[in-house]
Amino acid sequence: MRIILLILISILITNCTANRSHIGAVGGSITTTGACVSMSVDNPYVIAGCALTGAFAGAEIMYNSDYDVHNAVFVDHLNTSPKGSAYTNWYNSKTGNSGIIHTTNSYLKGPMKCKDYSATVDITNNWPLIGVGGENRNTIFGVACQKPDGQWIEYKG
């Protein structure tokens, strides 16, 4: 328990802003430490090794997630799609996850270029982190507008 507490405190002290890699590291270390303890491992060095291995695996899985792939393809599609209806599909053969981005209309709202879109994601998390995982299949509809600096934002009119 002390090892888990030390890991959590060190993460909180070193970086107060958590991203998905940090969440993956914490979740991975907790999951693998729990697995080692449940197998009656009582050597603190082995438990620390379990925690460290889980932290690296969890951070890597969350960092290279298909949500990042979907977001990158989504922004690329917004930047390159024509004015009318356009589709972009992506598929990760390693995970079986996929997504579809569909823009239906492009227009100007003041100085901003806006696009109506629908985005469908079909992502199943394969690693059973505590509290994270399962399937995420949904379609969202919205309007994205590009600010003069090039950044895309969700328009809420």
C-alpha atoms as a PDB file:
ATOM      1  CA  MET A   1       0.000   0.000   0.000  1.00  0.00           C
ATOM      2  CA  ARG A   2       2.873   2.358   0.749  1.00  0.00           C
ATOM      3  CA  ILE A   3       4.214   1.917  -2.765  1.00  0.00           C
ATOM      4  CA  ILE A   4       0.879   2.840  -4.323  1.00  0.00           C
ATOM      5  CA  LEU A   5       0.616   5.854  -2.039  1.00  0.00           C
ATOM      6  CA  LEU A   6       4.153   6.968  -2.956  1.00  0.00           C
ATOM      7  CA  ILE A   7       3.417   6.629  -6.683  1.00  0.00           C
ATOM      8  CA  LEU A   8       0.213   8.647  -6.394  1.00  0.00           C
ATOM      9  CA  ILE A   9       1.839  11.358  -4.283  1.00  0.00           C
ATOM     10  CA  SER A  10       4.826  11.650  -6.642  1.00  0.00           C
ATOM     11  CA  ILE A  11       2.526  12.025  -9.638  1.00  0.00           C
ATOM     12  CA  LEU A  12       0.498  14.710  -7.895  1.00  0.00           C
ATOM     13  CA  ILE A  13       3.566  16.594  -6.684  1.00  0.00           C
ATOM     14  CA  THR A  14       5.480  16.523  -9.967  1.00  0.00           C
ATOM     15  CA  ASN A  15       2.652  17.480 -12.267  1.00  0.00           C
ATOM     16  CA  CYS A  16      -0.690  18.808 -11.134  1.00  0.00           C
ATOM     17  CA  THR A  17      -2.242  18.576 -14.587  1.00  0.00           C
ATOM     18  CA  ALA A  18      -3.128  15.018 -15.495  1.00  0.00           C
ATOM     19  CA  ASN A  19      -3.398  13.886 -19.078  1.00  0.00           C
ATOM     20  CA  ARG A  20      -4.401  10.505 -20.457  1.00  0.00           C
ATOM     21  CA  SER A  21      -0.845   9.161 -20.138  1.00  0.00           C
ATOM     22  CA  HIS A  22      -0.817  10.010 -16.428  1.00  0.00           C
ATOM     23  CA  ILE A  23      -4.229   8.463 -15.917  1.00  0.00           C
ATOM     24  CA  GLY A  24      -3.072   5.360 -17.784  1.00  0.00           C
ATOM     25  CA  ALA A  25       0.061   5.137 -15.664  1.00  0.00           C
ATOM     26  CA  VAL A  26      -1.863   5.380 -12.411  1.00  0.00           C
ATOM     27  CA  GLY A  27      -4.558   2.957 -13.585  1.00  0.00           C
ATOM     28  CA  GLY A  28      -1.991   0.502 -14.908  1.00  0.00           C
ATOM     29  CA  SER A  29       0.090   0.559 -11.738  1.00  0.00           C
ATOM     30  CA  ILE A  30      -2.969   0.098  -9.526  1.00  0.00           C
ATOM     31  CA  THR A  31      -4.264  -2.757 -11.680  1.00  0.00           C
ATOM     32  CA  THR A  32      -0.981  -4.672 -11.841  1.00  0.00           C
ATOM     33  CA  THR A  33      -0.183  -4.062  -8.169  1.00  0.00           C
ATOM     34  CA  GLY A  34      -3.617  -5.370  -7.267  1.00  0.00           C
ATOM     35  CA  ALA A  35      -3.036  -8.421  -9.441  1.00  0.00           C
ATOM     36  CA  CYS A  36       0.321  -9.136  -7.770  1.00  0.00           C
ATOM     37  CA  VAL A  37      -1.125  -8.733  -4.277  1.00  0.00           C
ATOM     38  CA  SER A  38      -4.110 -10.942  -5.136  1.00  0.00           C
ATOM     39  CA  MET A  39      -1.640 -13.679  -6.135  1.00  0.00           C
ATOM     40  CA  SER A  40      -0.220 -13.523  -2.586  1.00  0.00           C
ATOM     41  CA  VAL A  41       3.008 -11.811  -3.602  1.00  0.00           C
ATOM     42  CA  ASP A  42       4.493 -10.242  -0.481  1.00  0.00           C
ATOM     43  CA  ASN A  43       7.988  -9.270  -1.658  1.00  0.00           C
ATOM     44  CA  PRO A  44       8.022  -5.437  -1.819  1.00  0.00           C
ATOM     45  CA  TYR A  45      10.511  -5.456  -4.715  1.00  0.00           C
ATOM     46  CA  VAL A  46       8.273  -7.694  -6.810  1.00  0.00           C
ATOM     47  CA  ILE A  47       5.234  -5.527  -5.969  1.00  0.00           C
ATOM     48  CA  ALA A  48       7.201  -2.407  -6.955  1.00  0.00           C
ATOM     49  CA  GLY A  49       8.161  -4.125 -10.209  1.00  0.00           C
ATOM     50  CA  CYS A  50       4.508  -4.935 -10.838  1.00  0.00           C
ATOM     51  CA  ALA A  51       3.549  -1.312 -10.213  1.00  0.00           C
ATOM     52  CA  LEU A  52       6.306   0.025 -12.471  1.00  0.00           C
ATOM     53  CA  THR A  53       5.496  -2.374 -15.304  1.00  0.00           C
ATOM     54  CA  GLY A  54       1.810  -1.518 -15.077  1.00  0.00           C
ATOM     55  CA  ALA A  55       2.545   2.201 -15.035  1.00  0.00           C
ATOM     56  CA  PHE A  56       4.624   2.005 -18.223  1.00  0.00           C
ATOM     57  CA  ALA A  57       2.083  -0.225 -19.976  1.00  0.00           C
ATOM     58  CA  GLY A  58      -0.874   1.935 -18.945  1.00  0.00           C
ATOM     59  CA  ALA A  59       0.805   5.169 -20.012  1.00  0.00           C
ATOM     60  CA  GLU A  60       1.770   3.700 -23.384  1.00  0.00           C
ATOM     61  CA  ILE A  61      -1.697   2.345 -24.071  1.00  0.00           C
ATOM     62  CA  MET A  62      -3.428   5.595 -23.156  1.00  0.00           C
ATOM     63  CA  TYR A  63      -0.888   7.739 -25.019  1.00  0.00           C
ATOM     64  CA  ASN A  64      -1.216   5.832 -28.267  1.00  0.00           C
ATOM     65  CA  SER A  65      -4.960   5.554 -28.075  1.00  0.00           C
ATOM     66  CA  ASP A  66      -7.307   5.472 -31.024  1.00  0.00           C
ATOM     67  CA  TYR A  67      -9.045   8.541 -29.611  1.00  0.00           C
ATOM     68  CA  ASP A  68      -5.887  10.471 -30.547  1.00  0.00           C
ATOM     69  CA  VAL A  69      -5.997   8.918 -34.016  1.00  0.00           C
ATOM     70  CA  HIS A  70      -9.655   9.898 -34.402  1.00  0.00           C
ATOM     71  CA  ASN A  71      -8.998  13.482 -33.278  1.00  0.00           C
ATOM     72  CA  ALA A  72      -6.044  13.854 -35.667  1.00  0.00           C
ATOM     73  CA  VAL A  73      -8.032  12.482 -38.612  1.00  0.00           C
ATOM     74  CA  PHE A  74     -10.990  14.684 -37.639  1.00  0.00           C
ATOM     75  CA  VAL A  75      -8.913  17.884 -37.683  1.00  0.00           C
ATOM     76  CA  ASP A  76      -7.192  16.833 -40.922  1.00  0.00           C
ATOM     77  CA  HIS A  77     -10.604  16.197 -42.504  1.00  0.00           C
ATOM     78  CA  LEU A  78     -11.853  19.635 -41.397  1.00  0.00           C
ATOM     79  CA  ASN A  79      -8.764  21.257 -42.920  1.00  0.00           C
ATOM     80  CA  THR A  80      -8.881  19.437 -46.260  1.00  0.00           C
ATOM     81  CA  SER A  81     -12.513  18.555 -47.010  1.00  0.00           C
ATOM     82  CA  PRO A  82     -14.333  20.364 -49.831  1.00  0.00           C
ATOM     83  CA  LYS A  83     -17.337  22.644 -49.328  1.00  0.00           C
ATOM     84  CA  GLY A  84     -19.992  19.984 -49.906  1.00  0.00           C
ATOM     85  CA  SER A  85     -20.507  16.562 -48.435  1.00  0.00           C
ATOM     86  CA  ALA A  86     -17.274  14.654 -47.734  1.00  0.00           C
ATOM     87  CA  TYR A  87     -16.336  11.494 -45.819  1.00  0.00           C
ATOM     88  CA  THR A  88     -13.123  10.313 -44.241  1.00  0.00           C
ATOM     89  CA  ASN A  89     -12.782   6.858 -42.696  1.00  0.00           C
ATOM     90  CA  TRP A  90      -9.974   5.532 -40.548  1.00  0.00           C
ATOM     91  CA  TYR A  91      -9.239   2.014 -39.319  1.00  0.00           C
ATOM     92  CA  ASN A  92      -6.561   0.669 -36.977  1.00  0.00           C
ATOM     93  CA  SER A  93      -5.781  -2.902 -38.013  1.00  0.00           C
ATOM     94  CA  LYS A  94      -3.953  -3.571 -34.718  1.00  0.00           C
ATOM     95  CA  THR A  95      -6.967  -2.790 -32.515  1.00  0.00           C
ATOM     96  CA  GLY A  96      -9.920  -3.163 -34.891  1.00  0.00           C
ATOM     97  CA  ASN A  97     -11.133   0.333 -33.958  1.00  0.00           C
ATOM     98  CA  SER A  98     -12.465   2.731 -36.552  1.00  0.00           C
ATOM     99  CA  GLY A  99     -14.177   6.023 -37.173  1.00  0.00           C
ATOM    100  CA  ILE A 100     -16.056   7.986 -39.810  1.00  0.00           C
ATOM    101  CA  ILE A 101     -16.029  11.765 -40.181  1.00  0.00           C
ATOM    102  CA  HIS A 102     -18.671  13.328 -42.411  1.00  0.00           C
ATOM    103  CA  THR A 103     -18.897  17.033 -43.181  1.00  0.00           C
ATOM    104  CA  THR A 104     -22.117  18.115 -44.825  1.00  0.00           C
ATOM    105  CA  ASN A 105     -21.889  21.854 -45.312  1.00  0.00           C
ATOM    106  CA  SER A 106     -19.271  24.632 -45.195  1.00  0.00           C
ATOM    107  CA  TYR A 107     -20.044  28.304 -44.653  1.00  0.00           C
ATOM    108  CA  LEU A 108     -18.776  31.515 -43.064  1.00  0.00           C
ATOM    109  CA  LYS A 109     -19.894  32.901 -39.688  1.00  0.00           C
ATOM    110  CA  GLY A 110     -18.248  36.285 -39.554  1.00  0.00           C
ATOM    111  CA  PRO A 111     -14.484  35.738 -40.001  1.00  0.00           C
ATOM    112  CA  MET A 112     -14.704  32.032 -39.193  1.00  0.00           C
ATOM    113  CA  LYS A 113     -15.026  29.136 -41.643  1.00  0.00           C
ATOM    114  CA  CYS A 114     -17.579  26.649 -40.217  1.00  0.00           C
ATOM    115  CA  LYS A 115     -18.512  23.084 -41.130  1.00  0.00           C
ATOM    116  CA  ASP A 116     -21.465  20.973 -40.071  1.00  0.00           C
ATOM    117  CA  TYR A 117     -20.291  17.466 -39.218  1.00  0.00           C
ATOM    118  CA  SER A 118     -21.108  14.072 -37.843  1.00  0.00           C
ATOM    119  CA  ALA A 119     -18.416  11.870 -36.356  1.00  0.00           C
ATOM    120  CA  THR A 120     -18.878   8.191 -35.600  1.00  0.00           C
ATOM    121  CA  VAL A 121     -16.375   6.358 -33.422  1.00  0.00           C
ATOM    122  CA  ASP A 122     -16.253   2.625 -32.812  1.00  0.00           C
ATOM    123  CA  ILE A 123     -13.551   2.158 -30.187  1.00  0.00           C
ATOM    124  CA  THR A 124     -13.205  -0.810 -27.855  1.00  0.00           C
ATOM    125  CA  ASN A 125     -10.549  -0.513 -25.168  1.00  0.00           C
ATOM    126  CA  ASN A 126      -8.732  -3.827 -24.967  1.00  0.00           C
ATOM    127  CA  TRP A 127      -6.845  -3.398 -21.732  1.00  0.00           C
ATOM    128  CA  PRO A 128      -8.992  -3.778 -18.612  1.00  0.00           C
ATOM    129  CA  LEU A 129      -7.912  -0.835 -16.494  1.00  0.00           C
ATOM    130  CA  ILE A 130      -9.968  -0.310 -13.366  1.00  0.00           C
ATOM    131  CA  GLY A 131     -12.840   1.999 -14.259  1.00  0.00           C
ATOM    132  CA  VAL A 132     -11.659   2.393 -17.856  1.00  0.00           C
ATOM    133  CA  GLY A 133     -12.488   0.200 -20.769  1.00  0.00           C
ATOM    134  CA  GLY A 134     -15.373  -1.264 -22.594  1.00  0.00           C
ATOM    135  CA  GLU A 135     -16.941  -0.127 -25.796  1.00  0.00           C
ATOM    136  CA  ASN A 136     -17.506   3.381 -27.018  1.00  0.00           C
ATOM    137  CA  ARG A 137     -19.725   3.407 -30.081  1.00  0.00           C
ATOM    138  CA  ASN A 138     -21.468   6.655 -30.744  1.00  0.00           C
ATOM    139  CA  THR A 139     -22.179   9.333 -33.295  1.00  0.00           C
ATOM    140  CA  ILE A 140     -22.004  13.020 -32.504  1.00  0.00           C
ATOM    141  CA  PHE A 141     -23.320  15.912 -34.565  1.00  0.00           C
ATOM    142  CA  GLY A 142     -22.083  19.472 -34.388  1.00  0.00           C
ATOM    143  CA  VAL A 143     -20.589  22.544 -35.967  1.00  0.00           C
ATOM    144  CA  ALA A 144     -16.839  23.198 -35.972  1.00  0.00           C
ATOM    145  CA  CYS A 145     -15.513  26.647 -36.770  1.00  0.00           C
ATOM    146  CA  GLN A 146     -11.967  27.637 -37.605  1.00  0.00           C
ATOM    147  CA  LYS A 147     -10.680  30.727 -35.843  1.00  0.00           C
ATOM    148  CA  PRO A 148      -8.424  33.129 -37.748  1.00  0.00           C
ATOM    149  CA  ASP A 149      -5.387  31.550 -36.046  1.00  0.00           C
ATOM    150  CA  GLY A 150      -6.290  28.163 -37.639  1.00  0.00           C
ATOM    151  CA  GLN A 151      -7.575  26.439 -34.495  1.00  0.00           C
ATOM    152  CA  TRP A 152     -10.869  24.523 -34.801  1.00  0.00           C
ATOM    153  CA  ILE A 153     -13.432  25.014 -32.045  1.00  0.00           C
ATOM    154  CA  GLU A 154     -16.893  23.628 -31.370  1.00  0.00           C
ATOM    155  CA  TYR A 155     -19.431  26.319 -32.277  1.00  0.00           C
ATOM    156  CA  LYS A 156     -22.283  26.744 -29.853  1.00  0.00           C
ATOM    157  CA  GLY A 157     -24.633  29.241 -31.423  1.00  0.00           C
END
